[in-house]
Amino acid sequence: MRFPGPTHLVILSRGHAKEALEWTRGVLERLKLTLNEQKTSIRNARQERFDFLGYTFGPHYGARTGRQYLGYSPSQKSVKRIRENVREHLGRNNTKPWEEVRNRLNRKLKGWAQYFQLRRPWRVFHVVDEYVEDRVRHFLRKRHKVSSQGTRQFSTKRIYGELGVFRLRNQLSRARS
């Protein structure tokens, strides 16, 4: 039996992780598959975080209460990747019309937001929104040769309103409805 690509797997267990790992090895052997030992580890998700498929799982802290809970959020690597993607897209060498630039940027942001449709990603979405706003303002300021910081000409309201840039936090409020 041949699979088209690597299979990713997380097994959650309450106190029987070693037994679960051995059982998994046995099942994979019978299927004539091998476990990548370099990527295999046993973690206590209640005490330490781990990354899997773009998410970070483990202890998180509530924004309002500060209390710890077991949760998940976009990994730092995923946030870094979307920021790099936005920076590259809004680089000086992009001379396409604004509508085309905006539409492609919005597709990237919407795809990222849909993958990370979470219950409480406020902080992460807020960070990405602020970065996008800064990069769009910088991009437009350079394109229109504005000598100031550009906050008057390209205010937050204008960037997400008239100029039509997709805002992650708005996606979150629609998902709750």
Protein backbone atom coordinates (compact mmCIF):
# COMPACT_ATOMS: atom_id res chain seq x y z
CA MET A 1 0.00 0.00 0.00
CA ARG A 2 1.41 3.38 -0.97
CA PHE A 3 0.22 6.73 0.37
CA PRO A 4 0.63 9.91 -1.72
CA GLY A 5 2.49 11.76 1.01
CA PRO A 6 3.38 11.79 4.68
CA THR A 7 0.63 11.15 7.18
CA HIS A 8 0.59 13.40 10.21
CA LEU A 9 -0.71 12.11 13.49
CA VAL A 10 -1.22 13.22 17.09
CA ILE A 11 -2.39 10.75 19.70
CA LEU A 12 -3.84 12.13 22.91
CA SER A 13 -3.71 9.87 25.92
CA ARG A 14 -4.29 10.19 29.66
CA GLY A 15 -1.24 8.64 31.25
CA HIS A 16 -0.68 5.83 28.74
CA ALA A 17 1.44 7.58 26.11
CA LYS A 18 4.18 4.93 25.89
CA GLU A 19 1.61 2.16 25.41
CA ALA A 20 -0.18 4.21 22.74
CA LEU A 21 3.11 4.79 20.93
CA GLU A 22 3.93 1.07 20.95
CA TRP A 23 0.42 0.21 19.72
CA THR A 24 0.82 2.75 16.89
CA ARG A 25 4.19 1.28 15.91
CA GLY A 26 2.60 -2.18 15.76
CA VAL A 27 -0.30 -1.01 13.58
CA LEU A 28 2.04 0.84 11.21
CA GLU A 29 4.29 -2.23 10.94
CA ARG A 30 1.33 -4.37 9.93
CA LEU A 31 0.49 -1.78 7.27
CA LYS A 32 4.15 -1.91 6.13
CA LEU A 33 4.67 1.73 7.10
CA THR A 34 7.39 3.21 9.27
CA LEU A 35 7.24 5.82 11.98
CA ASN A 36 9.65 8.73 11.59
CA GLU A 37 11.52 8.42 14.88
CA GLN A 38 13.12 11.87 14.51
CA LYS A 39 9.71 13.54 14.46
CA THR A 40 8.14 11.28 17.09
CA SER A 41 7.98 12.47 20.68
CA ILE A 42 5.89 12.14 23.80
CA ARG A 43 4.73 15.44 25.28
CA ASN A 44 2.63 16.41 28.27
CA ALA A 45 0.23 18.85 26.58
CA ARG A 46 -0.96 20.13 29.97
CA GLN A 47 2.54 21.40 30.77
CA GLU A 48 4.30 22.11 27.47
CA ARG A 49 3.32 23.38 24.07
CA PHE A 50 3.93 21.62 20.76
CA ASP A 51 3.39 22.61 17.14
CA PHE A 52 1.42 20.50 14.69
CA LEU A 53 0.17 21.43 11.19
CA GLY A 54 0.53 25.18 11.78
CA TYR A 55 -1.09 25.17 15.23
CA THR A 56 0.42 25.35 18.70
CA PHE A 57 -1.28 23.07 21.21
CA GLY A 58 -0.83 23.13 24.96
CA PRO A 59 -1.29 25.51 27.87
CA HIS A 60 -2.73 28.90 26.93
CA TYR A 61 -3.88 31.79 29.10
CA GLY A 62 -7.21 33.60 28.96
CA ALA A 63 -6.99 37.27 27.95
CA ARG A 64 -9.57 38.45 30.49
CA THR A 65 -8.96 36.16 33.44
CA GLY A 66 -5.34 35.19 32.95
CA ARG A 67 -6.30 31.64 33.85
CA GLN A 68 -4.59 28.73 32.16
CA TYR A 69 -6.54 26.42 29.85
CA LEU A 70 -5.62 23.65 27.43
CA GLY A 71 -5.98 25.12 23.96
CA TYR A 72 -4.61 25.80 20.51
CA SER A 73 -3.68 28.80 18.39
CA PRO A 74 -1.80 29.55 15.17
CA SER A 75 1.89 28.75 15.71
CA GLN A 76 4.49 31.49 15.73
CA LYS A 77 5.91 29.96 12.57
CA SER A 78 2.51 30.32 10.82
CA VAL A 79 2.20 33.95 11.90
CA LYS A 80 5.75 34.62 10.74
CA ARG A 81 5.01 32.97 7.39
CA ILE A 82 1.87 35.10 6.70
CA ARG A 83 3.79 38.23 7.66
CA GLU A 84 6.63 37.32 5.27
CA ASN A 85 4.08 36.56 2.57
CA VAL A 86 2.42 39.98 3.03
CA ARG A 87 5.81 41.75 3.07
CA GLU A 88 6.90 40.04 -0.16
CA HIS A 89 3.59 40.78 -1.87
CA LEU A 90 3.70 44.47 -0.92
CA GLY A 91 7.33 44.90 -1.94
CA ARG A 92 8.69 47.77 -4.01
CA ASN A 93 8.90 45.60 -7.10
CA ASN A 94 5.10 45.14 -7.19
CA THR A 95 3.96 47.69 -9.77
CA LYS A 96 0.56 46.19 -10.53
CA PRO A 97 -2.60 48.30 -10.16
CA TRP A 98 -3.89 48.67 -6.59
CA GLU A 99 -7.06 46.63 -7.29
CA GLU A 100 -4.98 43.66 -8.42
CA VAL A 101 -2.57 44.02 -5.48
CA ARG A 102 -5.45 44.29 -3.02
CA ASN A 103 -7.37 41.33 -4.46
CA ARG A 104 -4.36 39.03 -4.27
CA LEU A 105 -3.56 40.23 -0.73
CA ASN A 106 -7.17 39.64 0.31
CA ARG A 107 -7.10 36.09 -1.10
CA LYS A 108 -3.99 35.33 0.95
CA LEU A 109 -5.51 36.77 4.13
CA LYS A 110 -8.87 35.03 3.64
CA GLY A 111 -7.19 31.68 3.05
CA TRP A 112 -5.08 32.07 6.18
CA ALA A 113 -8.11 33.15 8.23
CA GLN A 114 -10.20 30.22 7.00
CA TYR A 115 -7.50 27.73 7.94
CA PHE A 116 -7.25 29.24 11.42
CA GLN A 117 -10.95 29.74 12.15
CA LEU A 118 -10.66 29.58 15.88
CA ARG A 119 -12.82 30.36 18.83
CA ARG A 120 -10.49 32.91 20.39
CA PRO A 121 -7.72 34.06 18.05
CA TRP A 122 -8.23 37.74 18.91
CA ARG A 123 -4.63 38.41 19.85
CA VAL A 124 -3.15 36.64 16.82
CA PHE A 125 -5.63 38.16 14.35
CA HIS A 126 -5.02 41.58 15.92
CA VAL A 127 -1.24 41.21 15.46
CA VAL A 128 -1.61 40.17 11.81
CA ASP A 129 -4.14 42.97 11.13
CA GLU A 130 -1.75 45.58 12.55
CA TYR A 131 1.11 44.24 10.46
CA VAL A 132 -1.01 44.24 7.28
CA GLU A 133 -2.14 47.80 8.00
CA ASP A 134 1.46 48.98 8.46
CA ARG A 135 2.65 47.24 5.29
CA VAL A 136 -0.27 48.53 3.18
CA ARG A 137 0.32 52.05 4.47
CA HIS A 138 4.05 51.78 3.70
CA PHE A 139 3.33 50.35 0.23
CA LEU A 140 0.86 53.13 -0.67
CA ARG A 141 3.01 55.84 0.86
CA LYS A 142 5.96 54.80 -1.34
CA ARG A 143 3.76 54.39 -4.41
CA HIS A 144 2.19 57.86 -4.01
CA LYS A 145 5.44 59.49 -2.81
CA VAL A 146 3.98 60.69 0.48
CA SER A 147 6.76 62.17 2.63
CA SER A 148 5.00 61.78 6.00
CA GLN A 149 4.08 58.55 7.82
CA GLY A 150 0.93 58.44 5.70
CA THR A 151 -1.49 57.96 8.60
CA ARG A 152 -3.70 60.84 7.47
CA GLN A 153 -3.87 59.85 3.80
CA PHE A 154 -4.05 56.13 4.58
CA SER A 155 -5.88 55.88 7.88
CA THR A 156 -7.01 52.56 9.37
CA LYS A 157 -10.58 53.39 8.41
CA ARG A 158 -9.60 54.09 4.80
CA ILE A 159 -7.37 51.01 4.46
CA TYR A 160 -10.08 48.62 5.65
CA GLY A 161 -12.95 50.64 4.21
CA GLU A 162 -12.53 52.56 0.97
CA LEU A 163 -9.36 50.72 -0.12
CA GLY A 164 -11.01 47.34 0.59
CA VAL A 165 -8.30 45.43 2.47
CA PHE A 166 -9.63 42.31 4.23
CA ARG A 167 -9.60 42.55 8.02
CA LEU A 168 -9.14 39.33 9.97
CA ARG A 169 -11.02 40.60 13.03
CA ASN A 170 -14.10 41.25 10.89
CA GLN A 171 -13.95 37.62 9.72
CA LEU A 172 -13.99 36.55 13.36
CA SER A 173 -17.18 38.49 14.14
CA ARG A 174 -18.90 37.00 11.04
CA ALA A 175 -17.92 33.48 12.11
CA ARG A 176 -19.60 34.01 15.49
CA SER A 177 -22.89 35.09 13.92
